[in-house]
Amino acid sequence: MLAHNNVTVMAGRARFLGANSLAIEPTGCDVGLGKNAKSMFDATIEAANIIIATGSKAAALPMPGSQLPGVIDSDGALALTSVPKSIAIIGAGAIGCEWSCILSRLGCQVTLIEKLPQVLPQVEKELGAVLAEMLISEGITVHTGADHPRILQEGSNLGCSLDMPPKTERKA
């Protein structure tokens, strides 16, 4: 689509020189840019329209066991060559929910774990509750309010230990 619309993709570190100009210095990160990418070189670009796509980097899990071999982030999930039999996904934000749905629909047994009290903690409570019910109806195990999760090595497998608050019953 970019090539068809005559968009040139350049990788590097950019800084604005003015309202319509950029200085670009190469960083060596040109993986996956496609056929319309320019080779890496220092450049000054003048254009009426400039799009800066900064990319993203998966956040490190601040929990015991997150550095064990076999623990992957969302970038590592993209590199999977087969569907795992089961997986625990820590974090029920947008990316965790997306991966839960994808892997579940491919036949993986998925457990979704969120430290905060609801799925999609950054949205309205009602939306999070609706999504949680949808995930559960698709066979995904959902744990919210999971305080202090820990990743454990169990022989050649990984496991997850959760401190869960006591369940309370709602009265109608």
C-alpha atoms as a PDB file:
ATOM      1  CA  MET A   1       0.000   0.000   0.000  1.00  0.00           C
ATOM      2  CA  LEU A   2       2.832   2.380   0.806  1.00  0.00           C
ATOM      3  CA  ALA A   3       4.560   1.767  -2.529  1.00  0.00           C
ATOM      4  CA  HIS A   4       1.259   2.071  -4.428  1.00  0.00           C
ATOM      5  CA  ASN A   5       0.680   5.469  -2.807  1.00  0.00           C
ATOM      6  CA  ASN A   6       4.217   6.627  -3.593  1.00  0.00           C
ATOM      7  CA  VAL A   7       5.294   6.712   0.083  1.00  0.00           C
ATOM      8  CA  THR A   8       9.010   6.406   0.779  1.00  0.00           C
ATOM      9  CA  VAL A   9       9.934   4.610   4.017  1.00  0.00           C
ATOM     10  CA  MET A  10      13.190   5.508   5.739  1.00  0.00           C
ATOM     11  CA  ALA A  11      14.474   4.020   8.972  1.00  0.00           C
ATOM     12  CA  GLY A  12      16.634   5.956  11.351  1.00  0.00           C
ATOM     13  CA  ARG A  13      16.679   8.590  14.039  1.00  0.00           C
ATOM     14  CA  ALA A  14      14.944  11.760  12.871  1.00  0.00           C
ATOM     15  CA  ARG A  15      14.838  15.308  14.143  1.00  0.00           C
ATOM     16  CA  PHE A  16      12.914  18.238  12.765  1.00  0.00           C
ATOM     17  CA  LEU A  17      14.986  20.999  11.210  1.00  0.00           C
ATOM     18  CA  GLY A  18      11.902  23.068  10.417  1.00  0.00           C
ATOM     19  CA  ALA A  19       8.162  22.715   9.815  1.00  0.00           C
ATOM     20  CA  ASN A  20       8.698  20.675   6.630  1.00  0.00           C
ATOM     21  CA  SER A  21      12.197  19.238   6.951  1.00  0.00           C
ATOM     22  CA  LEU A  22      13.867  16.398   8.804  1.00  0.00           C
ATOM     23  CA  ALA A  23      17.419  15.260   9.359  1.00  0.00           C
ATOM     24  CA  ILE A  24      17.657  11.453   9.431  1.00  0.00           C
ATOM     25  CA  GLU A  25      20.639   9.497  10.714  1.00  0.00           C
ATOM     26  CA  PRO A  26      20.835   5.720  10.220  1.00  0.00           C
ATOM     27  CA  THR A  27      20.384   3.355  13.169  1.00  0.00           C
ATOM     28  CA  GLY A  28      20.682   0.006  11.375  1.00  0.00           C
ATOM     29  CA  CYS A  29      17.071  -0.912  12.196  1.00  0.00           C
ATOM     30  CA  ASP A  30      15.727  -1.447   8.701  1.00  0.00           C
ATOM     31  CA  VAL A  31      14.279  -4.938   9.198  1.00  0.00           C
ATOM     32  CA  GLY A  32      10.910  -5.464   7.548  1.00  0.00           C
ATOM     33  CA  LEU A  33      10.638  -2.094   5.791  1.00  0.00           C
ATOM     34  CA  GLY A  34       9.735  -3.603   2.427  1.00  0.00           C
ATOM     35  CA  LYS A  35      10.588  -2.814  -1.193  1.00  0.00           C
ATOM     36  CA  ASN A  36       9.940   0.913  -0.935  1.00  0.00           C
ATOM     37  CA  ALA A  37      12.535   1.494   1.798  1.00  0.00           C
ATOM     38  CA  LYS A  38      15.535   3.682   1.134  1.00  0.00           C
ATOM     39  CA  SER A  39      18.976   2.331   1.987  1.00  0.00           C
ATOM     40  CA  MET A  40      20.470   3.569   5.237  1.00  0.00           C
ATOM     41  CA  PHE A  41      22.280   6.882   4.866  1.00  0.00           C
ATOM     42  CA  ASP A  42      22.331  10.337   6.449  1.00  0.00           C
ATOM     43  CA  ALA A  43      19.642  12.411   4.773  1.00  0.00           C
ATOM     44  CA  THR A  44      17.753  15.659   4.931  1.00  0.00           C
ATOM     45  CA  ILE A  45      14.141  15.376   3.824  1.00  0.00           C
ATOM     46  CA  GLU A  46      11.899  18.207   2.691  1.00  0.00           C
ATOM     47  CA  ALA A  47       8.210  17.344   2.347  1.00  0.00           C
ATOM     48  CA  ALA A  48       4.766  18.884   2.715  1.00  0.00           C
ATOM     49  CA  ASN A  49       3.583  15.813   4.666  1.00  0.00           C
ATOM     50  CA  ILE A  50       5.743  13.815   7.051  1.00  0.00           C
ATOM     51  CA  ILE A  51       4.621  10.753   9.021  1.00  0.00           C
ATOM     52  CA  ILE A  52       6.777   9.662  11.929  1.00  0.00           C
ATOM     53  CA  ALA A  53       6.090   6.074  13.002  1.00  0.00           C
ATOM     54  CA  THR A  54       8.093   5.481  16.159  1.00  0.00           C
ATOM     55  CA  GLY A  55       7.266   1.797  16.546  1.00  0.00           C
ATOM     56  CA  SER A  56       6.934   0.172  19.920  1.00  0.00           C
ATOM     57  CA  LYS A  57       8.851  -1.942  22.371  1.00  0.00           C
ATOM     58  CA  ALA A  58       7.294  -4.527  24.659  1.00  0.00           C
ATOM     59  CA  ALA A  59       7.490  -3.618  28.342  1.00  0.00           C
ATOM     60  CA  ALA A  60       9.559  -5.907  30.566  1.00  0.00           C
ATOM     61  CA  LEU A  61       7.565  -7.868  33.123  1.00  0.00           C
ATOM     62  CA  PRO A  62       8.462  -6.636  36.612  1.00  0.00           C
ATOM     63  CA  MET A  63       8.013  -9.994  38.306  1.00  0.00           C
ATOM     64  CA  PRO A  64      10.046 -12.916  39.551  1.00  0.00           C
ATOM     65  CA  GLY A  65      10.751 -15.460  36.822  1.00  0.00           C
ATOM     66  CA  SER A  66      10.231 -13.117  33.883  1.00  0.00           C
ATOM     67  CA  GLN A  67      13.805 -13.730  32.711  1.00  0.00           C
ATOM     68  CA  LEU A  68      13.445 -17.526  32.566  1.00  0.00           C
ATOM     69  CA  PRO A  69      14.073 -19.204  29.213  1.00  0.00           C
ATOM     70  CA  GLY A  70      10.774 -19.678  27.386  1.00  0.00           C
ATOM     71  CA  VAL A  71       9.129 -16.515  28.719  1.00  0.00           C
ATOM     72  CA  ILE A  72       8.257 -14.384  25.689  1.00  0.00           C
ATOM     73  CA  ASP A  73       6.790 -10.954  25.091  1.00  0.00           C
ATOM     74  CA  SER A  74       4.421  -9.940  22.295  1.00  0.00           C
ATOM     75  CA  ASP A  75       7.354  -9.693  19.859  1.00  0.00           C
ATOM     76  CA  GLY A  76       8.334 -13.251  20.797  1.00  0.00           C
ATOM     77  CA  ALA A  77       4.745 -14.364  20.175  1.00  0.00           C
ATOM     78  CA  LEU A  78       5.055 -13.072  16.613  1.00  0.00           C
ATOM     79  CA  ALA A  79       8.076 -15.345  16.151  1.00  0.00           C
ATOM     80  CA  LEU A  80       6.272 -18.536  17.288  1.00  0.00           C
ATOM     81  CA  THR A  81       6.443 -21.225  14.613  1.00  0.00           C
ATOM     82  CA  SER A  82       3.728 -23.400  16.148  1.00  0.00           C
ATOM     83  CA  VAL A  83       0.755 -22.959  18.441  1.00  0.00           C
ATOM     84  CA  PRO A  84       1.605 -23.828  22.059  1.00  0.00           C
ATOM     85  CA  LYS A  85      -0.606 -26.354  23.848  1.00  0.00           C
ATOM     86  CA  SER A  86      -1.200 -23.845  26.644  1.00  0.00           C
ATOM     87  CA  ILE A  87      -0.093 -20.354  27.593  1.00  0.00           C
ATOM     88  CA  ALA A  88      -0.486 -17.874  30.431  1.00  0.00           C
ATOM     89  CA  ILE A  89      -0.718 -14.291  29.215  1.00  0.00           C
ATOM     90  CA  ILE A  90       0.101 -11.708  31.851  1.00  0.00           C
ATOM     91  CA  GLY A  91      -1.641  -8.400  31.294  1.00  0.00           C
ATOM     92  CA  ALA A  92      -5.251  -7.991  30.150  1.00  0.00           C
ATOM     93  CA  GLY A  93      -4.786  -4.736  28.285  1.00  0.00           C
ATOM     94  CA  ALA A  94      -5.443  -4.506  24.557  1.00  0.00           C
ATOM     95  CA  ILE A  95      -2.404  -6.553  23.495  1.00  0.00           C
ATOM     96  CA  GLY A  96      -2.935  -9.302  26.083  1.00  0.00           C
ATOM     97  CA  CYS A  97      -6.606  -9.609  25.106  1.00  0.00           C
ATOM     98  CA  GLU A  98      -5.719  -9.707  21.390  1.00  0.00           C
ATOM     99  CA  TRP A  99      -3.157 -12.475  21.877  1.00  0.00           C
ATOM    100  CA  SER A 100      -5.592 -14.386  24.098  1.00  0.00           C
ATOM    101  CA  CYS A 101      -8.201 -14.383  21.336  1.00  0.00           C
ATOM    102  CA  ILE A 102      -5.740 -15.248  18.572  1.00  0.00           C
ATOM    103  CA  LEU A 103      -4.124 -18.162  20.397  1.00  0.00           C
ATOM    104  CA  SER A 104      -7.407 -19.490  21.771  1.00  0.00           C
ATOM    105  CA  ARG A 105      -8.946 -19.561  18.289  1.00  0.00           C
ATOM    106  CA  LEU A 106      -5.884 -21.451  17.056  1.00  0.00           C
ATOM    107  CA  GLY A 107      -6.516 -24.159  19.656  1.00  0.00           C
ATOM    108  CA  CYS A 108      -4.262 -23.071  22.523  1.00  0.00           C
ATOM    109  CA  GLN A 109      -5.518 -23.329  26.109  1.00  0.00           C
ATOM    110  CA  VAL A 110      -5.220 -19.703  27.313  1.00  0.00           C
ATOM    111  CA  THR A 111      -5.142 -18.261  30.814  1.00  0.00           C
ATOM    112  CA  LEU A 112      -5.277 -14.453  30.921  1.00  0.00           C
ATOM    113  CA  ILE A 113      -3.958 -12.846  34.120  1.00  0.00           C
ATOM    114  CA  GLU A 114      -4.496  -9.226  35.174  1.00  0.00           C
ATOM    115  CA  LYS A 115      -3.242  -7.596  38.370  1.00  0.00           C
ATOM    116  CA  LEU A 116      -5.960  -4.935  38.355  1.00  0.00           C
ATOM    117  CA  PRO A 117      -9.630  -5.698  39.109  1.00  0.00           C
ATOM    118  CA  GLN A 118     -10.822  -5.842  35.494  1.00  0.00           C
ATOM    119  CA  VAL A 119      -9.973  -6.809  31.937  1.00  0.00           C
ATOM    120  CA  LEU A 120      -8.981  -3.717  29.913  1.00  0.00           C
ATOM    121  CA  PRO A 121      -8.317  -1.700  33.082  1.00  0.00           C
ATOM    122  CA  GLN A 122      -7.887   1.526  31.122  1.00  0.00           C
ATOM    123  CA  VAL A 123     -11.510   1.579  29.868  1.00  0.00           C
ATOM    124  CA  GLU A 124     -14.906   1.884  31.536  1.00  0.00           C
ATOM    125  CA  LYS A 125     -15.722  -0.909  33.958  1.00  0.00           C
ATOM    126  CA  GLU A 126     -18.780  -2.025  31.956  1.00  0.00           C
ATOM    127  CA  LEU A 127     -16.745  -2.498  28.750  1.00  0.00           C
ATOM    128  CA  GLY A 128     -14.125  -4.523  30.600  1.00  0.00           C
ATOM    129  CA  ALA A 129     -16.856  -6.728  32.087  1.00  0.00           C
ATOM    130  CA  VAL A 130     -18.447  -7.337  28.664  1.00  0.00           C
ATOM    131  CA  LEU A 131     -15.085  -8.291  27.153  1.00  0.00           C
ATOM    132  CA  ALA A 132     -14.268 -10.580  30.097  1.00  0.00           C
ATOM    133  CA  GLU A 133     -17.547 -12.453  29.556  1.00  0.00           C
ATOM    134  CA  MET A 134     -16.795 -12.781  25.830  1.00  0.00           C
ATOM    135  CA  LEU A 135     -13.315 -14.140  26.560  1.00  0.00           C
ATOM    136  CA  ILE A 136     -14.690 -16.624  29.080  1.00  0.00           C
ATOM    137  CA  SER A 137     -17.384 -17.745  26.599  1.00  0.00           C
ATOM    138  CA  GLU A 138     -14.571 -18.512  24.117  1.00  0.00           C
ATOM    139  CA  GLY A 139     -12.941 -20.826  26.669  1.00  0.00           C
ATOM    140  CA  ILE A 140     -10.266 -18.438  27.940  1.00  0.00           C
ATOM    141  CA  THR A 141      -9.616 -18.612  31.693  1.00  0.00           C
ATOM    142  CA  VAL A 142      -9.570 -15.063  33.073  1.00  0.00           C
ATOM    143  CA  HIS A 143      -8.030 -14.077  36.425  1.00  0.00           C
ATOM    144  CA  THR A 144      -8.349 -10.451  37.556  1.00  0.00           C
ATOM    145  CA  GLY A 145      -7.086  -9.012  40.816  1.00  0.00           C
ATOM    146  CA  ALA A 146      -4.096 -11.387  40.613  1.00  0.00           C
ATOM    147  CA  ASP A 147      -1.618  -9.744  42.955  1.00  0.00           C
ATOM    148  CA  HIS A 148       2.083 -10.614  42.787  1.00  0.00           C
ATOM    149  CA  PRO A 149       2.098 -13.172  39.956  1.00  0.00           C
ATOM    150  CA  ARG A 150       5.306 -15.200  39.731  1.00  0.00           C
ATOM    151  CA  ILE A 151       6.619 -17.316  36.885  1.00  0.00           C
ATOM    152  CA  LEU A 152       8.002 -20.643  38.063  1.00  0.00           C
ATOM    153  CA  GLN A 153      10.129 -23.304  36.399  1.00  0.00           C
ATOM    154  CA  GLU A 154       8.457 -26.715  36.735  1.00  0.00           C
ATOM    155  CA  GLY A 155      10.869 -29.207  35.204  1.00  0.00           C
ATOM    156  CA  SER A 156      11.011 -28.320  31.511  1.00  0.00           C
ATOM    157  CA  ASN A 157       7.748 -26.360  31.760  1.00  0.00           C
ATOM    158  CA  LEU A 158       6.899 -22.907  33.040  1.00  0.00           C
ATOM    159  CA  GLY A 159       4.091 -22.214  35.485  1.00  0.00           C
ATOM    160  CA  CYS A 160       2.498 -19.189  37.079  1.00  0.00           C
ATOM    161  CA  SER A 161       1.738 -18.680  40.752  1.00  0.00           C
ATOM    162  CA  LEU A 162      -0.943 -16.150  41.730  1.00  0.00           C
ATOM    163  CA  ASP A 163      -1.963 -14.547  45.003  1.00  0.00           C
ATOM    164  CA  MET A 164      -5.699 -14.205  44.481  1.00  0.00           C
ATOM    165  CA  PRO A 165      -8.052 -12.193  46.688  1.00  0.00           C
ATOM    166  CA  PRO A 166     -10.949 -14.110  48.206  1.00  0.00           C
ATOM    167  CA  LYS A 167     -13.989 -14.251  45.924  1.00  0.00           C
ATOM    168  CA  THR A 168     -17.045 -12.328  47.030  1.00  0.00           C
ATOM    169  CA  GLU A 169     -20.562 -13.174  45.966  1.00  0.00           C
ATOM    170  CA  ARG A 170     -22.828 -10.520  44.536  1.00  0.00           C
ATOM    171  CA  LYS A 171     -26.374 -10.484  45.768  1.00  0.00           C
ATOM    172  CA  ALA A 172     -29.182  -9.656  43.387  1.00  0.00           C
END
